[in-house]
Amino acid sequence: MGSDVAGLVNYENVPSTIATIVSSKLATLYELDTVYGTEDLWRLLEINTVDNYNQMVINRAQESG
């Protein structure tokens, strides 16, 4: 979706998995380094993905009335 918008910038020095969690504010970089493990990262990614998908479904339903 976002890749269709011209002018957006990608994170070049941070893996996309980590960038997704930090930018969505589900965890800080410090927390990912010290508190959470790899399995936690994948769970947070799933939470973020499901939340974003559900929000998209809600938005589309509201747009179509």
PDB file of N, CA and C in Angstrom:
ATOM      1  N   MET A   1       0.815  -1.200   0.000  1.00  0.00           N
ATOM      2  CA  MET A   1       0.000   0.000   0.000  1.00  0.00           C
ATOM      3  C   MET A   1       0.852   1.254   0.000  1.00  0.00           C
ATOM      4  N   GLY A   2       1.700   1.407   1.009  1.00  0.00           N
ATOM      5  CA  GLY A   2       2.525   2.600   1.108  1.00  0.00           C
ATOM      6  C   GLY A   2       3.515   2.741  -0.024  1.00  0.00           C
ATOM      7  N   SER A   3       3.888   1.622  -0.644  1.00  0.00           N
ATOM      8  CA  SER A   3       4.856   1.693  -1.738  1.00  0.00           C
ATOM      9  C   SER A   3       4.273   2.361  -2.973  1.00  0.00           C
ATOM     10  N   ASP A   4       2.965   2.562  -3.020  1.00  0.00           N
ATOM     11  CA  ASP A   4       2.319   3.242  -4.143  1.00  0.00           C
ATOM     12  C   ASP A   4       2.456   4.754  -4.054  1.00  0.00           C
ATOM     13  N   VAL A   5       2.907   5.256  -2.929  1.00  0.00           N
ATOM     14  CA  VAL A   5       3.018   6.699  -2.719  1.00  0.00           C
ATOM     15  C   VAL A   5       4.436   7.142  -3.054  1.00  0.00           C
ATOM     16  N   ALA A   6       4.562   8.071  -3.978  1.00  0.00           N
ATOM     17  CA  ALA A   6       5.880   8.563  -4.383  1.00  0.00           C
ATOM     18  C   ALA A   6       6.511   9.389  -3.274  1.00  0.00           C
ATOM     19  N   GLY A   7       7.815   9.276  -3.126  1.00  0.00           N
ATOM     20  CA  GLY A   7       8.556  10.115  -2.202  1.00  0.00           C
ATOM     21  C   GLY A   7       8.765   9.544  -0.814  1.00  0.00           C
ATOM     22  N   LEU A   8       8.193   8.361  -0.516  1.00  0.00           N
ATOM     23  CA  LEU A   8       8.407   7.766   0.796  1.00  0.00           C
ATOM     24  C   LEU A   8       9.838   7.251   0.905  1.00  0.00           C
ATOM     25  N   VAL A   9      10.377   7.261   2.101  1.00  0.00           N
ATOM     26  CA  VAL A   9      11.752   6.828   2.348  1.00  0.00           C
ATOM     27  C   VAL A   9      11.720   5.537   3.156  1.00  0.00           C
ATOM     28  N   ASN A  10      12.613   4.607   2.826  1.00  0.00           N
ATOM     29  CA  ASN A  10      12.748   3.361   3.570  1.00  0.00           C
ATOM     30  C   ASN A  10      13.806   3.514   4.651  1.00  0.00           C
ATOM     31  N   TYR A  11      13.710   2.676   5.675  1.00  0.00           N
ATOM     32  CA  TYR A  11      14.759   2.604   6.684  1.00  0.00           C
ATOM     33  C   TYR A  11      15.930   1.859   6.063  1.00  0.00           C
ATOM     34  N   GLU A  12      17.084   2.485   5.974  1.00  0.00           N
ATOM     35  CA  GLU A  12      18.242   1.877   5.325  1.00  0.00           C
ATOM     36  C   GLU A  12      19.145   1.118   6.294  1.00  0.00           C
ATOM     37  N   ASN A  13      19.192   1.534   7.555  1.00  0.00           N
ATOM     38  CA  ASN A  13      20.143   0.963   8.509  1.00  0.00           C
ATOM     39  C   ASN A  13      19.488   0.155   9.617  1.00  0.00           C
ATOM     40  N   VAL A  14      18.198  -0.080   9.485  1.00  0.00           N
ATOM     41  CA  VAL A  14      17.455  -0.835  10.493  1.00  0.00           C
ATOM     42  C   VAL A  14      16.660  -1.918   9.769  1.00  0.00           C
ATOM     43  N   PRO A  15      16.728  -3.167  10.230  1.00  0.00           N
ATOM     44  CA  PRO A  15      15.922  -4.208   9.600  1.00  0.00           C
ATOM     45  C   PRO A  15      14.434  -3.841   9.630  1.00  0.00           C
ATOM     46  N   SER A  16      13.717  -4.200   8.588  1.00  0.00           N
ATOM     47  CA  SER A  16      12.309  -3.808   8.485  1.00  0.00           C
ATOM     48  C   SER A  16      11.469  -4.357   9.630  1.00  0.00           C
ATOM     49  N   THR A  17      11.819  -5.531  10.146  1.00  0.00           N
ATOM     50  CA  THR A  17      11.063  -6.086  11.268  1.00  0.00           C
ATOM     51  C   THR A  17      11.167  -5.184  12.494  1.00  0.00           C
ATOM     52  N   ILE A  18      12.365  -4.759  12.792  1.00  0.00           N
ATOM     53  CA  ILE A  18      12.594  -3.886  13.951  1.00  0.00           C
ATOM     54  C   ILE A  18      11.987  -2.514  13.710  1.00  0.00           C
ATOM     55  N   ALA A  19      12.177  -1.978  12.518  1.00  0.00           N
ATOM     56  CA  ALA A  19      11.620  -0.661  12.196  1.00  0.00           C
ATOM     57  C   ALA A  19      10.105  -0.653  12.323  1.00  0.00           C
ATOM     58  N   THR A  20       9.457  -1.721  11.901  1.00  0.00           N
ATOM     59  CA  THR A  20       8.000  -1.805  11.984  1.00  0.00           C
ATOM     60  C   THR A  20       7.527  -1.730  13.423  1.00  0.00           C
ATOM     61  N   ILE A  21       8.168  -2.473  14.300  1.00  0.00           N
ATOM     62  CA  ILE A  21       7.750  -2.502  15.702  1.00  0.00           C
ATOM     63  C   ILE A  21       8.029  -1.173  16.387  1.00  0.00           C
ATOM     64  N   VAL A  22       9.186  -0.593  16.141  1.00  0.00           N
ATOM     65  CA  VAL A  22       9.533   0.682  16.774  1.00  0.00           C
ATOM     66  C   VAL A  22       8.641   1.798  16.246  1.00  0.00           C
ATOM     67  N   SER A  23       8.441   1.866  14.931  1.00  0.00           N
ATOM     68  CA  SER A  23       7.637   2.958  14.370  1.00  0.00           C
ATOM     69  C   SER A  23       6.164   2.822  14.732  1.00  0.00           C
ATOM     70  N   SER A  24       5.701   1.609  15.003  1.00  0.00           N
ATOM     71  CA  SER A  24       4.311   1.425  15.430  1.00  0.00           C
ATOM     72  C   SER A  24       4.147   1.609  16.935  1.00  0.00           C
ATOM     73  N   LYS A  25       5.266   1.852  17.606  1.00  0.00           N
ATOM     74  CA  LYS A  25       5.302   2.126  19.043  1.00  0.00           C
ATOM     75  C   LYS A  25       4.849   0.938  19.913  1.00  0.00           C
ATOM     76  N   LEU A  26       5.041  -0.274  19.395  1.00  0.00           N
ATOM     77  CA  LEU A  26       4.758  -1.458  20.198  1.00  0.00           C
ATOM     78  C   LEU A  26       5.915  -1.774  21.142  1.00  0.00           C
ATOM     79  N   ALA A  27       7.098  -1.289  20.812  1.00  0.00           N
ATOM     80  CA  ALA A  27       8.277  -1.446  21.668  1.00  0.00           C
ATOM     81  C   ALA A  27       9.316  -0.422  21.235  1.00  0.00           C
ATOM     82  N   THR A  28      10.181  -0.091  22.159  1.00  0.00           N
ATOM     83  CA  THR A  28      11.298   0.799  21.825  1.00  0.00           C
ATOM     84  C   THR A  28      12.483  -0.050  21.374  1.00  0.00           C
ATOM     85  N   LEU A  29      13.441   0.592  20.759  1.00  0.00           N
ATOM     86  CA  LEU A  29      14.655  -0.116  20.358  1.00  0.00           C
ATOM     87  C   LEU A  29      15.363  -0.668  21.592  1.00  0.00           C
ATOM     88  N   TYR A  30      15.365   0.097  22.663  1.00  0.00           N
ATOM     89  CA  TYR A  30      15.974  -0.360  23.917  1.00  0.00           C
ATOM     90  C   TYR A  30      15.280  -1.633  24.415  1.00  0.00           C
ATOM     91  N   GLU A  31      13.948  -1.649  24.381  1.00  0.00           N
ATOM     92  CA  GLU A  31      13.209  -2.837  24.831  1.00  0.00           C
ATOM     93  C   GLU A  31      13.512  -4.050  23.954  1.00  0.00           C
ATOM     94  N   LEU A  32      13.604  -3.830  22.655  1.00  0.00           N
ATOM     95  CA  LEU A  32      13.934  -4.947  21.767  1.00  0.00           C
ATOM     96  C   LEU A  32      15.338  -5.472  22.031  1.00  0.00           C
ATOM     97  N   ASP A  33      16.237  -4.595  22.448  1.00  0.00           N
ATOM     98  CA  ASP A  33      17.614  -5.000  22.753  1.00  0.00           C
ATOM     99  C   ASP A  33      17.747  -5.690  24.103  1.00  0.00           C
ATOM    100  N   THR A  34      16.910  -5.309  25.071  1.00  0.00           N
ATOM    101  CA  THR A  34      17.139  -5.762  26.445  1.00  0.00           C
ATOM    102  C   THR A  34      16.039  -6.627  27.038  1.00  0.00           C
ATOM    103  N   VAL A  35      14.807  -6.416  26.636  1.00  0.00           N
ATOM    104  CA  VAL A  35      13.682  -7.092  27.284  1.00  0.00           C
ATOM    105  C   VAL A  35      13.133  -8.229  26.433  1.00  0.00           C
ATOM    106  N   TYR A  36      12.900  -7.954  25.170  1.00  0.00           N
ATOM    107  CA  TYR A  36      12.226  -8.900  24.290  1.00  0.00           C
ATOM    108  C   TYR A  36      13.212  -9.742  23.502  1.00  0.00           C
ATOM    109  N   GLY A  37      12.801 -10.964  23.214  1.00  0.00           N
ATOM    110  CA  GLY A  37      13.601 -11.860  22.391  1.00  0.00           C
ATOM    111  C   GLY A  37      13.050 -11.926  20.973  1.00  0.00           C
ATOM    112  N   THR A  38      13.639 -12.797  20.187  1.00  0.00           N
ATOM    113  CA  THR A  38      13.237 -12.939  18.788  1.00  0.00           C
ATOM    114  C   THR A  38      11.786 -13.396  18.660  1.00  0.00           C
ATOM    115  N   GLU A  39      11.374 -14.340  19.489  1.00  0.00           N
ATOM    116  CA  GLU A  39       9.983 -14.806  19.435  1.00  0.00           C
ATOM    117  C   GLU A  39       9.019 -13.669  19.754  1.00  0.00           C
ATOM    118  N   ASP A  40       9.392 -12.823  20.702  1.00  0.00           N
ATOM    119  CA  ASP A  40       8.560 -11.658  21.023  1.00  0.00           C
ATOM    120  C   ASP A  40       8.446 -10.719  19.827  1.00  0.00           C
ATOM    121  N   LEU A  41       9.549 -10.529  19.113  1.00  0.00           N
ATOM    122  CA  LEU A  41       9.535  -9.678  17.925  1.00  0.00           C
ATOM    123  C   LEU A  41       8.517 -10.197  16.922  1.00  0.00           C
ATOM    124  N   TRP A  42       8.513 -11.507  16.668  1.00  0.00           N
ATOM    125  CA  TRP A  42       7.569 -12.081  15.705  1.00  0.00           C
ATOM    126  C   TRP A  42       6.136 -11.948  16.191  1.00  0.00           C
ATOM    127  N   ARG A  43       5.912 -12.086  17.485  1.00  0.00           N
ATOM    128  CA  ARG A  43       4.556 -11.913  18.024  1.00  0.00           C
ATOM    129  C   ARG A  43       4.093 -10.468  17.878  1.00  0.00           C
ATOM    130  N   LEU A  44       4.988  -9.534  18.147  1.00  0.00           N
ATOM    131  CA  LEU A  44       4.646  -8.117  17.980  1.00  0.00           C
ATOM    132  C   LEU A  44       4.348  -7.793  16.519  1.00  0.00           C
ATOM    133  N   LEU A  45       5.096  -8.393  15.603  1.00  0.00           N
ATOM    134  CA  LEU A  45       4.827  -8.192  14.175  1.00  0.00           C
ATOM    135  C   LEU A  45       3.448  -8.724  13.798  1.00  0.00           C
ATOM    136  N   GLU A  46       3.078  -9.870  14.350  1.00  0.00           N
ATOM    137  CA  GLU A  46       1.750 -10.418  14.080  1.00  0.00           C
ATOM    138  C   GLU A  46       0.665  -9.491  14.615  1.00  0.00           C
ATOM    139  N   ILE A  47       0.846  -9.006  15.818  1.00  0.00           N
ATOM    140  CA  ILE A  47      -0.118  -8.073  16.409  1.00  0.00           C
ATOM    141  C   ILE A  47      -0.270  -6.846  15.526  1.00  0.00           C
ATOM    142  N   ASN A  48       0.843  -6.293  15.097  1.00  0.00           N
ATOM    143  CA  ASN A  48       0.822  -5.098  14.258  1.00  0.00           C
ATOM    144  C   ASN A  48       0.130  -5.374  12.921  1.00  0.00           C
ATOM    145  N   THR A  49       0.435  -6.508  12.318  1.00  0.00           N
ATOM    146  CA  THR A  49      -0.152  -6.859  11.024  1.00  0.00           C
ATOM    147  C   THR A  49      -1.660  -7.048  11.131  1.00  0.00           C
ATOM    148  N   VAL A  50      -2.106  -7.771  12.140  1.00  0.00           N
ATOM    149  CA  VAL A  50      -3.543  -7.995  12.327  1.00  0.00           C
ATOM    150  C   VAL A  50      -4.260  -6.685  12.623  1.00  0.00           C
ATOM    151  N   ASP A  51      -3.691  -5.866  13.490  1.00  0.00           N
ATOM    152  CA  ASP A  51      -4.305  -4.567  13.798  1.00  0.00           C
ATOM    153  C   ASP A  51      -4.430  -3.705  12.547  1.00  0.00           C
ATOM    154  N   ASN A  52      -3.376  -3.639  11.740  1.00  0.00           N
ATOM    155  CA  ASN A  52      -3.411  -2.835  10.514  1.00  0.00           C
ATOM    156  C   ASN A  52      -4.423  -3.377   9.517  1.00  0.00           C
ATOM    157  N   TYR A  53      -4.485  -4.688   9.371  1.00  0.00           N
ATOM    158  CA  TYR A  53      -5.457  -5.288   8.457  1.00  0.00           C
ATOM    159  C   TYR A  53      -6.880  -4.986   8.916  1.00  0.00           C
ATOM    160  N   ASN A  54      -7.144  -5.197  10.196  1.00  0.00           N
ATOM    161  CA  ASN A  54      -8.488  -4.938  10.718  1.00  0.00           C
ATOM    162  C   ASN A  54      -8.879  -3.478  10.550  1.00  0.00           C
ATOM    163  N   GLN A  55      -7.948  -2.562  10.747  1.00  0.00           N
ATOM    164  CA  GLN A  55      -8.236  -1.143  10.556  1.00  0.00           C
ATOM    165  C   GLN A  55      -8.548  -0.853   9.093  1.00  0.00           C
ATOM    166  N   MET A  56      -7.836  -1.500   8.178  1.00  0.00           N
ATOM    167  CA  MET A  56      -8.110  -1.329   6.755  1.00  0.00           C
ATOM    168  C   MET A  56      -9.521  -1.814   6.414  1.00  0.00           C
ATOM    169  N   VAL A  57      -9.925  -2.955   6.967  1.00  0.00           N
ATOM    170  CA  VAL A  57     -11.267  -3.487   6.722  1.00  0.00           C
ATOM    171  C   VAL A  57     -12.321  -2.524   7.250  1.00  0.00           C
ATOM    172  N   ILE A  58     -12.115  -1.987   8.433  1.00  0.00           N
ATOM    173  CA  ILE A  58     -13.045  -1.011   9.011  1.00  0.00           C
ATOM    174  C   ILE A  58     -13.127   0.229   8.135  1.00  0.00           C
ATOM    175  N   ASN A  59     -11.984   0.749   7.714  1.00  0.00           N
ATOM    176  CA  ASN A  59     -11.959   1.954   6.870  1.00  0.00           C
ATOM    177  C   ASN A  59     -12.698   1.731   5.561  1.00  0.00           C
ATOM    178  N   ARG A  60     -12.484   0.588   4.930  1.00  0.00           N
ATOM    179  CA  ARG A  60     -13.165   0.292   3.661  1.00  0.00           C
ATOM    180  C   ARG A  60     -14.669   0.172   3.862  1.00  0.00           C
ATOM    181  N   ALA A  61     -15.078  -0.449   4.964  1.00  0.00           N
ATOM    182  CA  ALA A  61     -16.510  -0.589   5.243  1.00  0.00           C
ATOM    183  C   ALA A  61     -17.154   0.775   5.463  1.00  0.00           C
ATOM    184  N   GLN A  62     -16.454   1.666   6.144  1.00  0.00           N
ATOM    185  CA  GLN A  62     -16.976   3.008   6.389  1.00  0.00           C
ATOM    186  C   GLN A  62     -17.034   3.823   5.105  1.00  0.00           C
ATOM    187  N   GLU A  63     -16.051   3.645   4.220  1.00  0.00           N
ATOM    188  CA  GLU A  63     -16.026   4.378   2.953  1.00  0.00           C
ATOM    189  C   GLU A  63     -17.160   3.952   2.031  1.00  0.00           C
ATOM    190  N   SER A  64     -17.490   2.663   2.066  1.00  0.00           N
ATOM    191  CA  SER A  64     -18.526   2.168   1.163  1.00  0.00           C
ATOM    192  C   SER A  64     -19.924   2.305   1.760  1.00  0.00           C
ATOM    193  N   GLY A  65     -19.977   2.799   2.973  1.00  0.00           N
ATOM    194  CA  GLY A  65     -21.219   3.205   3.575  1.00  0.00           C
ATOM    195  C   GLY A  65     -22.067   2.179   4.171  1.00  0.00           C
TER     196      GLY A  65
END
